PDB file of N, CA and C in Angstrom:
ATOM      1  N   MET A   1      93.745 101.492 108.956  1.00  0.00           N
ATOM      2  CA  MET A   1      93.307 102.350 107.633  1.00  0.00           C
ATOM      3  C   MET A   1      92.627 101.668 106.792  1.00  0.00           C
ATOM      4  N   GLU A   2      91.745 102.538 105.859  1.00  0.00           N
ATOM      5  CA  GLU A   2      90.872 101.978 104.949  1.00  0.00           C
ATOM      6  C   GLU A   2      91.661 101.629 103.621  1.00  0.00           C
ATOM      7  N   LYS A   3      91.153 100.395 103.027  1.00  0.00           N
ATOM      8  CA  LYS A   3      91.603 100.048 101.820  1.00  0.00           C
ATOM      9  C   LYS A   3      90.969 100.578 100.491  1.00  0.00           C
ATOM     10  N   TYR A   4      91.429 100.653  99.606  1.00  0.00           N
ATOM     11  CA  TYR A   4      90.747 101.372  98.164  1.00  0.00           C
ATOM     12  C   TYR A   4      91.059 100.238  97.213  1.00  0.00           C
ATOM     13  N   VAL A   5      90.130 100.162  96.197  1.00  0.00           N
ATOM     14  CA  VAL A   5      90.148  99.234  95.086  1.00  0.00           C
ATOM     15  C   VAL A   5      89.972 100.056  93.798  1.00  0.00           C
ATOM     16  N   CYS A   6      90.802  99.648  92.969  1.00  0.00           N
ATOM     17  CA  CYS A   6      90.937 100.179  91.781  1.00  0.00           C
ATOM     18  C   CYS A   6      89.783  99.799  90.771  1.00  0.00           C
ATOM     19  N   GLY A   7      88.885 100.785  90.293  1.00  0.00           N
ATOM     20  CA  GLY A   7      87.854 100.325  89.447  1.00  0.00           C
ATOM     21  C   GLY A   7      87.987  99.991  88.151  1.00  0.00           C
ATOM     22  N   VAL A   8      89.268  99.895  87.668  1.00  0.00           N
ATOM     23  CA  VAL A   8      89.649  99.316  86.243  1.00  0.00           C
ATOM     24  C   VAL A   8      89.851  98.034  86.318  1.00  0.00           C
ATOM     25  N   CYS A   9      90.935  97.626  87.387  1.00  0.00           N
ATOM     26  CA  CYS A   9      91.455  96.339  87.259  1.00  0.00           C
ATOM     27  C   CYS A   9      90.986  95.372  88.556  1.00  0.00           C
ATOM     28  N   GLY A  10      90.803  96.134  89.825  1.00  0.00           N
ATOM     29  CA  GLY A  10      90.182  95.536  90.906  1.00  0.00           C
ATOM     30  C   GLY A  10      91.592  95.399  92.021  1.00  0.00           C
ATOM     31  N   TYR A  11      92.595  96.130  91.455  1.00  0.00           N
ATOM     32  CA  TYR A  11      93.725  95.957  92.594  1.00  0.00           C
ATOM     33  C   TYR A  11      93.154  96.701  93.861  1.00  0.00           C
ATOM     34  N   VAL A  12      93.577  96.195  94.979  1.00  0.00           N
ATOM     35  CA  VAL A  12      93.345  96.560  96.218  1.00  0.00           C
ATOM     36  C   VAL A  12      94.606  97.497  97.001  1.00  0.00           C
ATOM     37  N   TYR A  13      94.725  98.520  97.045  1.00  0.00           N
ATOM     38  CA  TYR A  13      95.603  99.225  97.804  1.00  0.00           C
ATOM     39  C   TYR A  13      95.418  99.053  99.142  1.00  0.00           C
ATOM     40  N   ASP A  14      96.314  98.606  99.851  1.00  0.00           N
ATOM     41  CA  ASP A  14      96.191  98.003 101.289  1.00  0.00           C
ATOM     42  C   ASP A  14      97.312  98.980 102.082  1.00  0.00           C
ATOM     43  N   PRO A  15      96.851  99.920 103.058  1.00  0.00           N
ATOM     44  CA  PRO A  15      97.991 101.107 103.666  1.00  0.00           C
ATOM     45  C   PRO A  15      98.955  99.987 104.361  1.00  0.00           C
ATOM     46  N   ALA A  16      98.459  98.903 105.019  1.00  0.00           N
ATOM     47  CA  ALA A  16      99.343  98.204 105.780  1.00  0.00           C
ATOM     48  C   ALA A  16     100.475  97.644 105.003  1.00  0.00           C
ATOM     49  N   LYS A  17     100.253  97.362 103.633  1.00  0.00           N
ATOM     50  CA  LYS A  17     101.336  96.741 102.789  1.00  0.00           C
ATOM     51  C   LYS A  17     102.285  97.820 101.997  1.00  0.00           C
ATOM     52  N   GLY A  18     101.399  98.915 101.726  1.00  0.00           N
ATOM     53  CA  GLY A  18     102.242  99.957 100.684  1.00  0.00           C
ATOM     54  C   GLY A  18     102.214  99.395  99.372  1.00  0.00           C
ATOM     55  N   ASP A  19     102.819  99.926  98.648  1.00  0.00           N
ATOM     56  CA  ASP A  19     103.204  99.469  97.114  1.00  0.00           C
ATOM     57  C   ASP A  19     104.658  99.455  97.047  1.00  0.00           C
ATOM     58  N   SER A  20     105.358  98.323  96.935  1.00  0.00           N
ATOM     59  CA  SER A  20     106.791  98.283  96.893  1.00  0.00           C
ATOM     60  C   SER A  20     107.254  98.853  95.325  1.00  0.00           C
ATOM     61  N   GLU A  21     106.296  98.511  94.382  1.00  0.00           N
ATOM     62  CA  GLU A  21     106.625  98.645  93.001  1.00  0.00           C
ATOM     63  C   GLU A  21     106.667 100.296  92.798  1.00  0.00           C
ATOM     64  N   GLY A  22     105.962 100.952  93.667  1.00  0.00           N
ATOM     65  CA  GLY A  22     105.988 102.484  93.713  1.00  0.00           C
ATOM     66  C   GLY A  22     106.719 103.181  94.742  1.00  0.00           C
ATOM     67  N   ASN A  23     107.341 102.416  95.482  1.00  0.00           N
ATOM     68  CA  ASN A  23     108.278 102.750  96.518  1.00  0.00           C
ATOM     69  C   ASN A  23     107.486 103.609  97.605  1.00  0.00           C
ATOM     70  N   ILE A  24     106.445 102.933  97.776  1.00  0.00           N
ATOM     71  CA  ILE A  24     105.415 103.470  98.881  1.00  0.00           C
ATOM     72  C   ILE A  24     105.465 102.467 100.120  1.00  0.00           C
ATOM     73  N   PRO A  25     105.948 102.821 101.071  1.00  0.00           N
ATOM     74  CA  PRO A  25     106.408 102.013 102.332  1.00  0.00           C
ATOM     75  C   PRO A  25     105.129 101.543 103.074  1.00  0.00           C
ATOM     76  N   PRO A  26     104.912 100.566 103.757  1.00  0.00           N
ATOM     77  CA  PRO A  26     103.970 100.130 104.648  1.00  0.00           C
ATOM     78  C   PRO A  26     103.432 101.181 105.530  1.00  0.00           C
ATOM     79  N   GLY A  27     102.035 101.616 105.813  1.00  0.00           N
ATOM     80  CA  GLY A  27     101.599 102.657 106.722  1.00  0.00           C
ATOM     81  C   GLY A  27     101.256 103.707 106.109  1.00  0.00           C
ATOM     82  N   VAL A  28     101.371 104.131 104.768  1.00  0.00           N
ATOM     83  CA  VAL A  28     100.934 105.512 103.900  1.00  0.00           C
ATOM     84  C   VAL A  28      99.555 105.065 103.766  1.00  0.00           C
ATOM     85  N   PRO A  29      98.656 106.131 104.203  1.00  0.00           N
ATOM     86  CA  PRO A  29      97.146 105.758 103.843  1.00  0.00           C
ATOM     87  C   PRO A  29      96.872 106.466 102.420  1.00  0.00           C
ATOM     88  N   PHE A  30      95.979 105.785 101.838  1.00  0.00           N
ATOM     89  CA  PHE A  30      95.623 106.280 100.227  1.00  0.00           C
ATOM     90  C   PHE A  30      95.762 107.798 100.024  1.00  0.00           C
ATOM     91  N   LYS A  31      94.892 108.388 100.988  1.00  0.00           N
ATOM     92  CA  LYS A  31      95.033 110.139 100.866  1.00  0.00           C
ATOM     93  C   LYS A  31      96.416 110.694 100.694  1.00  0.00           C
ATOM     94  N   LYS A  32      97.124 109.921 101.317  1.00  0.00           N
ATOM     95  CA  LYS A  32      98.700 110.702 101.518  1.00  0.00           C
ATOM     96  C   LYS A  32      99.606 110.245 100.337  1.00  0.00           C
ATOM     97  N   LEU A  33      99.040 109.172  99.277  1.00  0.00           N
ATOM     98  CA  LEU A  33      99.758 108.936  98.301  1.00  0.00           C
ATOM     99  C   LEU A  33      99.948 110.122  97.356  1.00  0.00           C
ATOM    100  N   PRO A  34     101.266 110.282  96.710  1.00  0.00           N
ATOM    101  CA  PRO A  34     101.477 111.197  95.799  1.00  0.00           C
ATOM    102  C   PRO A  34     100.344 111.511  94.668  1.00  0.00           C
ATOM    103  N   ASP A  35     100.188 112.665  94.252  1.00  0.00           N
ATOM    104  CA  ASP A  35      98.834 112.938  93.285  1.00  0.00           C
ATOM    105  C   ASP A  35      99.523 111.911  91.995  1.00  0.00           C
ATOM    106  N   GLU A  36     100.721 111.666  91.700  1.00  0.00           N
ATOM    107  CA  GLU A  36     101.200 111.007  90.555  1.00  0.00           C
ATOM    108  C   GLU A  36     101.243 109.696  90.554  1.00  0.00           C
ATOM    109  N   TRP A  37     100.854 108.958  91.790  1.00  0.00           N
ATOM    110  CA  TRP A  37     100.976 107.776  91.791  1.00  0.00           C
ATOM    111  C   TRP A  37      99.679 106.940  91.312  1.00  0.00           C
ATOM    112  N   VAL A  38     100.208 105.836  90.575  1.00  0.00           N
ATOM    113  CA  VAL A  38      99.262 105.087  89.649  1.00  0.00           C
ATOM    114  C   VAL A  38      99.081 103.585  89.888  1.00  0.00           C
ATOM    115  N   CYS A  39      97.959 103.012  89.757  1.00  0.00           N
ATOM    116  CA  CYS A  39      97.841 101.632  90.105  1.00  0.00           C
ATOM    117  C   CYS A  39      99.064 100.705  89.466  1.00  0.00           C
ATOM    118  N   PRO A  40      99.685 100.088  90.260  1.00  0.00           N
ATOM    119  CA  PRO A  40     100.925  99.256  89.848  1.00  0.00           C
ATOM    120  C   PRO A  40     100.314  98.163  88.880  1.00  0.00           C
ATOM    121  N   VAL A  41      99.187  97.910  88.824  1.00  0.00           N
ATOM    122  CA  VAL A  41      98.827  96.707  87.949  1.00  0.00           C
ATOM    123  C   VAL A  41      98.414  97.252  86.602  1.00  0.00           C
ATOM    124  N   CYS A  42      97.503  98.277  86.544  1.00  0.00           N
ATOM    125  CA  CYS A  42      96.859  98.717  85.215  1.00  0.00           C
ATOM    126  C   CYS A  42      97.316 100.365  84.843  1.00  0.00           C
ATOM    127  N   GLY A  43      98.036 100.953  85.651  1.00  0.00           N
ATOM    128  CA  GLY A  43      98.402 102.237  85.457  1.00  0.00           C
ATOM    129  C   GLY A  43      97.297 103.402  85.545  1.00  0.00           C
ATOM    130  N   ALA A  44      96.115 102.775  86.152  1.00  0.00           N
ATOM    131  CA  ALA A  44      94.909 103.751  86.591  1.00  0.00           C
ATOM    132  C   ALA A  44      95.282 105.011  87.619  1.00  0.00           C
ATOM    133  N   GLY A  45      94.765 106.073  87.267  1.00  0.00           N
ATOM    134  CA  GLY A  45      95.161 107.309  88.187  1.00  0.00           C
ATOM    135  C   GLY A  45      94.297 107.148  89.682  1.00  0.00           C
ATOM    136  N   LYS A  46      94.781 107.691  90.648  1.00  0.00           N
ATOM    137  CA  LYS A  46      94.100 107.777  91.985  1.00  0.00           C
ATOM    138  C   LYS A  46      92.660 107.953  91.920  1.00  0.00           C
ATOM    139  N   ASP A  47      91.982 108.699  90.567  1.00  0.00           N
ATOM    140  CA  ASP A  47      90.654 109.290  90.667  1.00  0.00           C
ATOM    141  C   ASP A  47      89.668 107.681  90.186  1.00  0.00           C
ATOM    142  N   GLU A  48      90.378 107.019  89.934  1.00  0.00           N
ATOM    143  CA  GLU A  48      89.930 105.566  89.645  1.00  0.00           C
ATOM    144  C   GLU A  48      89.387 104.703  90.720  1.00  0.00           C
ATOM    145  N   PHE A  49      90.208 105.096  91.885  1.00  0.00           N
ATOM    146  CA  PHE A  49      90.219 103.968  92.870  1.00  0.00           C
ATOM    147  C   PHE A  49      88.927 104.592  94.041  1.00  0.00           C
ATOM    148  N   SER A  50      88.299 103.770  95.011  1.00  0.00           N
ATOM    149  CA  SER A  50      87.342 103.928  95.713  1.00  0.00           C
ATOM    150  C   SER A  50      87.544 103.166  96.749  1.00  0.00           C
ATOM    151  N   PRO A  51      86.829 103.653  98.193  1.00  0.00           N
ATOM    152  CA  PRO A  51      86.939 103.000  99.272  1.00  0.00           C
ATOM    153  C   PRO A  51      86.440 101.475  99.058  1.00  0.00           C
ATOM    154  N   GLU A  52      86.996 100.390  99.644  1.00  0.00           N
ATOM    155  CA  GLU A  52      86.601  99.203  99.424  1.00  0.00           C
ATOM    156  C   GLU A  52      85.539  98.698 100.573  1.00  0.00           C
TER     157      GLU A  52
END
């Protein structure tokens, strides 16, 4: 699964790890994240992310 990087702060969303702060379990691809999900570091929206 493809990793995505936040263009604001550089946080990398890794589907293999998920996002424990956002209650996203491991195995969830970026495109399947809820629309309201935001970067756990800086709060940027999904539209600020791009494939790594």
